[in-house]
Protein backbone atom coordinates (compact mmCIF):
# COMPACT_ATOMS: atom_id res chain seq x y z
CA MET A 1 138.18 92.43 98.30
CA ALA A 2 136.29 90.24 95.82
CA ARG A 3 135.47 91.42 92.33
CA MET A 4 132.24 93.37 92.04
CA GLU A 5 130.34 92.77 88.78
CA LEU A 6 127.16 94.38 87.48
CA PHE A 7 125.23 92.77 84.64
CA PHE A 8 122.98 95.46 83.17
CA MET A 9 120.08 94.18 81.03
CA ARG A 10 117.73 96.29 78.93
CA HIS A 11 114.14 95.10 78.55
CA GLY A 12 112.89 93.44 75.37
CA GLU A 13 111.14 95.11 72.46
CA THR A 14 107.90 97.07 72.92
CA ALA A 15 105.64 98.68 70.33
CA TRP A 16 107.23 102.06 71.08
CA SER A 17 110.83 100.85 70.99
CA LEU A 18 109.99 99.71 67.45
CA THR A 19 108.71 103.15 66.44
CA GLY A 20 111.35 105.12 68.36
CA GLN A 21 108.90 106.72 70.77
CA HIS A 22 110.21 107.73 74.18
CA THR A 23 108.75 105.36 76.75
CA GLY A 24 109.15 106.53 80.31
CA LEU A 25 106.17 106.26 82.66
CA THR A 26 103.90 104.77 79.98
CA ASP A 27 103.81 101.13 81.02
CA LEU A 28 103.82 99.15 77.78
CA PRO A 29 104.03 95.36 77.54
CA LEU A 30 106.62 93.52 75.52
CA THR A 31 105.74 92.59 71.97
CA GLU A 32 105.75 88.91 71.07
CA HIS A 33 109.23 89.43 69.60
CA GLY A 34 110.23 91.22 72.82
CA GLU A 35 109.20 88.15 74.80
CA ASP A 36 111.31 85.97 72.49
CA GLU A 37 114.22 88.36 73.04
CA ALA A 38 113.80 88.08 76.82
CA ARG A 39 113.84 84.28 76.64
CA ALA A 40 116.98 84.40 74.46
CA LEU A 41 118.61 86.70 77.01
CA GLY A 42 117.76 84.16 79.69
CA GLY A 43 119.43 81.47 77.60
CA VAL A 44 122.65 83.49 77.45
CA LEU A 45 122.52 84.21 81.19
CA HIS A 46 121.73 80.60 82.09
CA GLY A 47 124.39 79.41 84.47
CA VAL A 48 125.39 82.92 85.58
CA SER A 49 124.77 83.09 89.31
CA PHE A 50 123.81 86.43 90.80
CA ASP A 51 124.08 87.40 94.44
CA GLN A 52 121.28 89.92 93.94
CA VAL A 53 118.93 90.71 91.03
CA PHE A 54 116.97 93.95 90.72
CA THR A 55 114.44 95.25 88.22
CA SER A 56 112.79 98.50 87.27
CA PRO A 57 109.16 98.68 88.36
CA ARG A 58 107.97 99.03 84.73
CA ARG A 59 106.25 95.90 83.42
CA ARG A 60 108.45 95.68 80.32
CA ALA A 61 111.49 95.24 82.60
CA LEU A 62 109.64 93.00 85.07
CA ARG A 63 108.47 90.73 82.25
CA THR A 64 111.95 90.61 80.73
CA ALA A 65 113.37 89.56 84.09
CA GLU A 66 110.65 86.93 84.50
CA LEU A 67 111.11 85.44 81.02
CA ALA A 68 114.89 85.47 81.44
CA GLY A 69 114.48 83.33 84.56
CA TYR A 70 114.64 85.95 87.31
CA ALA A 71 111.01 86.26 88.46
CA ALA A 72 112.21 86.83 92.04
CA ALA A 73 114.06 90.04 91.09
CA VAL A 74 113.63 92.82 93.64
CA ILE A 75 111.88 95.97 92.38
CA GLU A 76 114.26 98.93 92.51
CA PRO A 77 112.58 102.29 91.74
CA ASP A 78 115.92 103.92 90.84
CA LEU A 79 116.19 101.56 87.83
CA ALA A 80 113.13 103.15 86.17
CA GLU A 81 113.52 104.77 82.77
CA TRP A 82 113.97 108.52 82.43
CA ASP A 83 110.67 110.30 83.12
CA TYR A 84 110.16 111.97 79.74
CA GLY A 85 107.29 114.16 80.94
CA ASP A 86 105.79 116.00 77.95
CA TYR A 87 107.97 113.93 75.59
CA ASP A 88 106.57 110.55 76.67
CA GLY A 89 105.35 108.85 73.49
CA VAL A 90 107.13 111.36 71.24
CA ARG A 91 109.97 110.48 68.84
CA SER A 92 113.27 112.39 68.84
CA ASP A 93 112.77 113.62 65.27
CA GLU A 94 109.45 115.17 66.30
CA ILE A 95 111.08 116.93 69.27
CA LEU A 96 113.93 118.19 67.10
CA LYS A 97 111.48 119.81 64.67
CA GLN A 98 110.32 122.01 67.54
CA GLN A 99 113.63 122.23 69.46
CA PRO A 100 116.50 121.73 66.95
CA ALA A 101 119.24 121.93 69.60
CA TRP A 102 117.52 119.58 72.07
CA ASN A 103 119.71 116.96 73.74
CA ILE A 104 118.19 114.82 76.47
CA TYR A 105 121.52 114.55 78.31
CA THR A 106 121.87 118.32 78.68
CA ASP A 107 118.26 119.55 78.46
CA GLY A 108 116.15 116.84 80.03
CA CYS A 109 112.42 116.79 79.38
CA PRO A 110 109.79 119.44 80.17
CA GLY A 111 107.43 118.13 82.80
CA GLY A 112 109.79 115.21 83.42
CA GLU A 113 113.25 114.59 84.85
CA SER A 114 116.31 116.73 84.44
CA PRO A 115 119.70 115.18 83.59
CA ALA A 116 120.83 115.89 87.18
CA GLN A 117 117.88 113.94 88.60
CA VAL A 118 118.56 110.89 86.43
CA ALA A 119 122.29 111.06 87.20
CA ALA A 120 121.48 111.21 90.92
CA ARG A 121 119.47 107.99 90.64
CA ALA A 122 122.36 106.29 88.85
CA ASP A 123 124.83 107.58 91.44
CA ARG A 124 122.73 106.17 94.30
CA LEU A 125 122.78 102.73 92.71
CA ILE A 126 126.50 102.92 91.96
CA ALA A 127 127.29 103.92 95.55
CA ARG A 128 125.31 100.97 96.89
CA TRP A 129 126.54 98.38 94.41
CA SER A 130 130.20 99.43 94.18
CA ALA A 131 130.82 98.30 97.74
CA PHE A 132 129.12 94.96 97.13
CA PRO A 133 131.56 92.03 96.78
CA GLY A 134 129.60 89.93 94.34
CA ARG A 135 127.57 89.84 91.13
CA VAL A 136 124.49 92.00 90.69
CA GLY A 137 121.92 91.71 87.90
CA ALA A 138 119.81 94.76 86.93
CA PHE A 139 116.92 94.86 84.44
CA SER A 140 116.21 98.37 83.25
CA HIS A 141 115.94 100.68 80.22
CA GLY A 142 117.86 102.33 77.38
CA HIS A 143 118.42 105.94 78.36
CA PHE A 144 118.85 105.08 82.02
CA GLY A 145 121.38 102.38 81.10
CA ARG A 146 123.47 104.84 79.13
CA VAL A 147 123.49 107.25 82.07
CA LEU A 148 124.46 104.46 84.47
CA ALA A 149 127.34 103.42 82.20
CA VAL A 150 128.90 106.87 81.94
CA ARG A 151 128.44 107.57 85.63
CA TRP A 152 130.03 104.18 86.43
CA ILE A 153 133.27 105.13 84.65
CA GLY A 154 133.17 108.84 85.47
CA LEU A 155 132.50 110.30 82.01
CA PRO A 156 130.50 113.51 81.53
CA LEU A 157 126.78 112.84 81.18
CA GLY A 158 126.73 114.08 77.57
CA MET A 159 128.93 111.15 76.57
CA ALA A 160 125.99 108.79 77.19
CA ARG A 161 124.75 109.43 73.63
CA HIS A 162 127.70 107.35 72.37
CA PHE A 163 126.59 104.18 74.17
CA ALA A 164 124.30 102.07 71.97
CA ILE A 165 122.01 99.74 73.87
CA GLY A 166 119.67 97.40 72.00
CA THR A 167 116.55 95.74 73.34
CA ALA A 168 117.22 92.67 75.49
CA SER A 169 120.94 93.40 75.40
CA TYR A 170 123.28 93.17 78.34
CA GLY A 171 126.53 94.70 79.47
CA ILE A 172 129.02 93.88 82.18
CA LEU A 173 130.55 96.55 84.40
CA ASP A 174 132.91 95.85 87.26
CA ARG A 175 135.43 97.12 89.79
CA ASP A 176 138.78 95.66 88.78
CA PRO A 177 140.35 94.03 91.85
CA GLY A 178 143.77 93.98 90.18
CA ARG A 179 143.85 97.73 89.55
CA ASP A 180 142.72 99.56 92.68
CA HIS A 181 139.11 98.52 92.07
CA ARG A 182 138.80 101.03 89.28
CA PRO A 183 135.45 101.02 87.48
CA ARG A 184 135.39 99.66 83.97
CA ILE A 185 133.01 98.51 81.27
CA VAL A 186 134.02 94.96 80.44
CA GLN A 187 131.40 94.32 77.72
CA TRP A 188 128.51 96.38 76.37
CA ASN A 189 125.39 96.02 74.20
CA ILE A 190 125.61 92.26 73.75
CA THR A 191 122.42 91.12 72.05
CA PRO A 192 121.55 87.41 72.02
CA VAL A 193 120.32 85.93 68.75
CA THR A 194 116.57 85.34 68.90
CA PRO A 195 114.91 82.42 67.17
CA GLY A 196 113.13 83.14 63.89
């Protein structure tokens, strides 16, 4: 069986990623800097051939894919960011003032998705892609990317908080053909240098 590789890319900067506001269903555009980040990501990925490329339906991910050179990416609803419900547009420090013990990976978001729902989306993608003998590209989001990473290697969901993921960064996950196709994270949170 051929090596299966997944390149996971987070979208470029938005106004809310700058301020630390949770951005789930709110469909913000990239900032000018975010567009530069997306182009820089495309420069790093230039020459990498993908058998399939998918993107979240949110315009920040779609635009990142387009500017990186993958305008033909297929929209995959399961790649959408966590639905933050009542916490959409709210910063973590604001939530913690009201709910000091709140942890998105154990508590989820009122009016939005639970951790189990987000994990189920990640698991569906992993089940589909793990059997694929090729290279997949996926443009998505920060919290969802962390969940996907821990589910890929079988860690408890709460461990996702330890996985940094910058805007317009990418990571490589695979199934190692030399070791019983075990899942591994080969590289993570690689951020291209943007001009200026």
